C-alpha atoms as a PDB file:
ATOM      1  CA  MET A   1       8.141  -2.592  47.563  1.00  0.00           C
ATOM      2  CA  THR A   2       8.454   0.994  48.754  1.00  0.00           C
ATOM      3  CA  THR A   3       6.583   3.966  47.307  1.00  0.00           C
ATOM      4  CA  GLU A   4       9.864   5.299  45.906  1.00  0.00           C
ATOM      5  CA  GLU A   5      10.596   1.987  44.174  1.00  0.00           C
ATOM      6  CA  ILE A   6       7.103   1.973  42.678  1.00  0.00           C
ATOM      7  CA  ARG A   7       7.497   5.611  41.564  1.00  0.00           C
ATOM      8  CA  SER A   8      10.824   4.835  39.925  1.00  0.00           C
ATOM      9  CA  LYS A   9       9.458   1.786  38.088  1.00  0.00           C
ATOM     10  CA  VAL A  10       6.313   3.598  36.889  1.00  0.00           C
ATOM     11  CA  ILE A  11       8.391   6.491  35.555  1.00  0.00           C
ATOM     12  CA  ASN A  12      10.738   4.017  33.886  1.00  0.00           C
ATOM     13  CA  VAL A  13       7.801   2.218  32.219  1.00  0.00           C
ATOM     14  CA  ILE A  14       6.292   5.526  31.038  1.00  0.00           C
ATOM     15  CA  SER A  15       9.670   6.619  29.670  1.00  0.00           C
ATOM     16  CA  TYR A  16      10.275   3.345  27.849  1.00  0.00           C
ATOM     17  CA  THR A  17       6.709   2.966  26.534  1.00  0.00           C
ATOM     18  CA  PHE A  18       6.404   6.543  25.290  1.00  0.00           C
ATOM     19  CA  GLY A  19      10.003   6.796  24.092  1.00  0.00           C
ATOM     20  CA  ILE A  20      10.844   9.838  26.199  1.00  0.00           C
ATOM     21  CA  PRO A  21      13.644  10.470  28.707  1.00  0.00           C
ATOM     22  CA  GLU A  22      12.796   9.777  32.349  1.00  0.00           C
ATOM     23  CA  THR A  23      13.731  13.370  33.111  1.00  0.00           C
ATOM     24  CA  SER A  24      10.826  14.489  30.872  1.00  0.00           C
ATOM     25  CA  VAL A  25       8.269  12.669  33.044  1.00  0.00           C
ATOM     26  CA  ASN A  26       6.806  15.218  35.463  1.00  0.00           C
ATOM     27  CA  CYS A  27       4.712  13.730  38.257  1.00  0.00           C
ATOM     28  CA  THR A  28       2.141  16.528  37.995  1.00  0.00           C
ATOM     29  CA  ASP A  29       1.595  16.000  34.249  1.00  0.00           C
ATOM     30  CA  ASP A  30      -1.482  14.111  33.161  1.00  0.00           C
ATOM     31  CA  VAL A  31      -0.639  10.844  31.480  1.00  0.00           C
ATOM     32  CA  ALA A  32      -2.222  11.492  28.078  1.00  0.00           C
ATOM     33  CA  GLY A  33      -2.688  15.200  27.506  1.00  0.00           C
ATOM     34  CA  THR A  34       0.592  16.706  28.600  1.00  0.00           C
ATOM     35  CA  MET A  35       2.596  13.941  26.995  1.00  0.00           C
ATOM     36  CA  SER A  36       0.431  14.085  23.832  1.00  0.00           C
ATOM     37  CA  LYS A  37      -0.231  10.370  23.683  1.00  0.00           C
ATOM     38  CA  ASP A  38      -3.110   8.655  21.897  1.00  0.00           C
ATOM     39  CA  SER A  39      -5.283   5.771  23.025  1.00  0.00           C
ATOM     40  CA  LEU A  40      -3.008   3.099  21.534  1.00  0.00           C
ATOM     41  CA  ASP A  41      -0.058   4.516  23.476  1.00  0.00           C
ATOM     42  CA  LEU A  42      -2.154   4.367  26.634  1.00  0.00           C
ATOM     43  CA  VAL A  43      -3.150   0.741  26.024  1.00  0.00           C
ATOM     44  CA  GLU A  44       0.536  -0.087  25.596  1.00  0.00           C
ATOM     45  CA  LEU A  45       1.281   1.738  28.860  1.00  0.00           C
ATOM     46  CA  VAL A  46      -1.417  -0.188  30.743  1.00  0.00           C
ATOM     47  CA  LEU A  47      -0.118  -3.501  29.386  1.00  0.00           C
ATOM     48  CA  ALA A  48       3.468  -2.579  30.262  1.00  0.00           C
ATOM     49  CA  LEU A  49       2.502  -1.598  33.828  1.00  0.00           C
ATOM     50  CA  GLU A  50       0.465  -4.777  34.250  1.00  0.00           C
ATOM     51  CA  GLY A  51       3.461  -6.812  33.111  1.00  0.00           C
ATOM     52  CA  GLU A  52       5.974  -4.943  35.241  1.00  0.00           C
ATOM     53  CA  PHE A  53       3.949  -5.160  38.447  1.00  0.00           C
ATOM     54  CA  THR A  54       1.858  -8.301  37.745  1.00  0.00           C
ATOM     55  CA  ILE A  55      -1.379  -6.414  38.434  1.00  0.00           C
ATOM     56  CA  ASP A  56      -4.673  -5.842  36.617  1.00  0.00           C
ATOM     57  CA  LEU A  57      -5.418  -2.240  35.651  1.00  0.00           C
ATOM     58  CA  ARG A  58      -8.301  -2.862  33.213  1.00  0.00           C
ATOM     59  CA  GLN A  59     -10.832  -1.274  35.549  1.00  0.00           C
ATOM     60  CA  TYR A  60      -8.823   1.969  35.406  1.00  0.00           C
ATOM     61  CA  GLU A  61      -8.284   2.160  31.625  1.00  0.00           C
ATOM     62  CA  ASP A  62     -10.893   4.886  31.143  1.00  0.00           C
ATOM     63  CA  GLN A  63      -9.474   6.944  34.013  1.00  0.00           C
ATOM     64  CA  ILE A  64      -5.786   6.702  33.152  1.00  0.00           C
ATOM     65  CA  PRO A  65      -5.767   9.328  30.349  1.00  0.00           C
ATOM     66  CA  GLY A  66      -6.831  12.049  32.812  1.00  0.00           C
ATOM     67  CA  MET A  67      -4.691  10.837  35.694  1.00  0.00           C
ATOM     68  CA  THR A  68      -1.555  12.642  36.716  1.00  0.00           C
ATOM     69  CA  VAL A  69       1.584  10.558  36.887  1.00  0.00           C
ATOM     70  CA  ASN A  70       1.324  10.845  40.695  1.00  0.00           C
ATOM     71  CA  LYS A  71      -2.222   9.438  40.648  1.00  0.00           C
ATOM     72  CA  LEU A  72      -1.092   6.603  38.379  1.00  0.00           C
ATOM     73  CA  ILE A  73       1.693   5.789  40.849  1.00  0.00           C
ATOM     74  CA  GLU A  74      -0.859   5.820  43.707  1.00  0.00           C
ATOM     75  CA  THR A  75      -3.175   3.538  41.712  1.00  0.00           C
ATOM     76  CA  VAL A  76      -0.390   1.024  41.079  1.00  0.00           C
ATOM     77  CA  GLU A  77       0.558   1.158  44.754  1.00  0.00           C
ATOM     78  CA  GLU A  78      -3.079   0.544  45.813  1.00  0.00           C
ATOM     79  CA  ARG A  79      -3.362  -2.445  43.466  1.00  0.00           C
ATOM     80  CA  LEU A  80      -0.137  -3.908  44.874  1.00  0.00           C
ATOM     81  CA  LYS A  81      -1.417  -3.472  48.442  1.00  0.00           C
ATOM     82  CA  THR A  82      -4.676  -5.184  47.494  1.00  0.00           C
ATOM     83  CA  LEU A  83      -2.728  -8.130  46.127  1.00  0.00           C
ATOM     84  CA  ASP A  84      -0.614  -8.312  49.284  1.00  0.00           C
ATOM     85  CA  MET A  85      -3.780  -8.512  51.398  1.00  0.00           C
ATOM     86  CA  PHE A  86      -4.848 -11.684  49.603  1.00  0.00           C
ATOM     87  CA  LYS A  87      -1.494 -13.471  49.596  1.00  0.00           C
ATOM     88  CA  GLY A  88      -1.609 -16.616  51.608  1.00  0.00           C
ATOM     89  CA  CYS A  89      -5.395 -17.020  51.439  1.00  0.00           C
END
């Protein structure tokens, strides 16, 4: 999966989970503050991203509220690369 595909999917998940248009998701916004989302919204986002990408983001739950959308995309991409490294073991 390319970085652009990951970016598109993350933005789509944020849009769907938070009930906002994709065009309202700015990659430099922080996930919680700028979008005015509470902790329950963020838990739903983490679960949605884990489901979409089949990854585990629990270790990042405390960091996600302060992350920018770009950093969240990078985190998802890193987790996917980590999984790819262990395929076939």
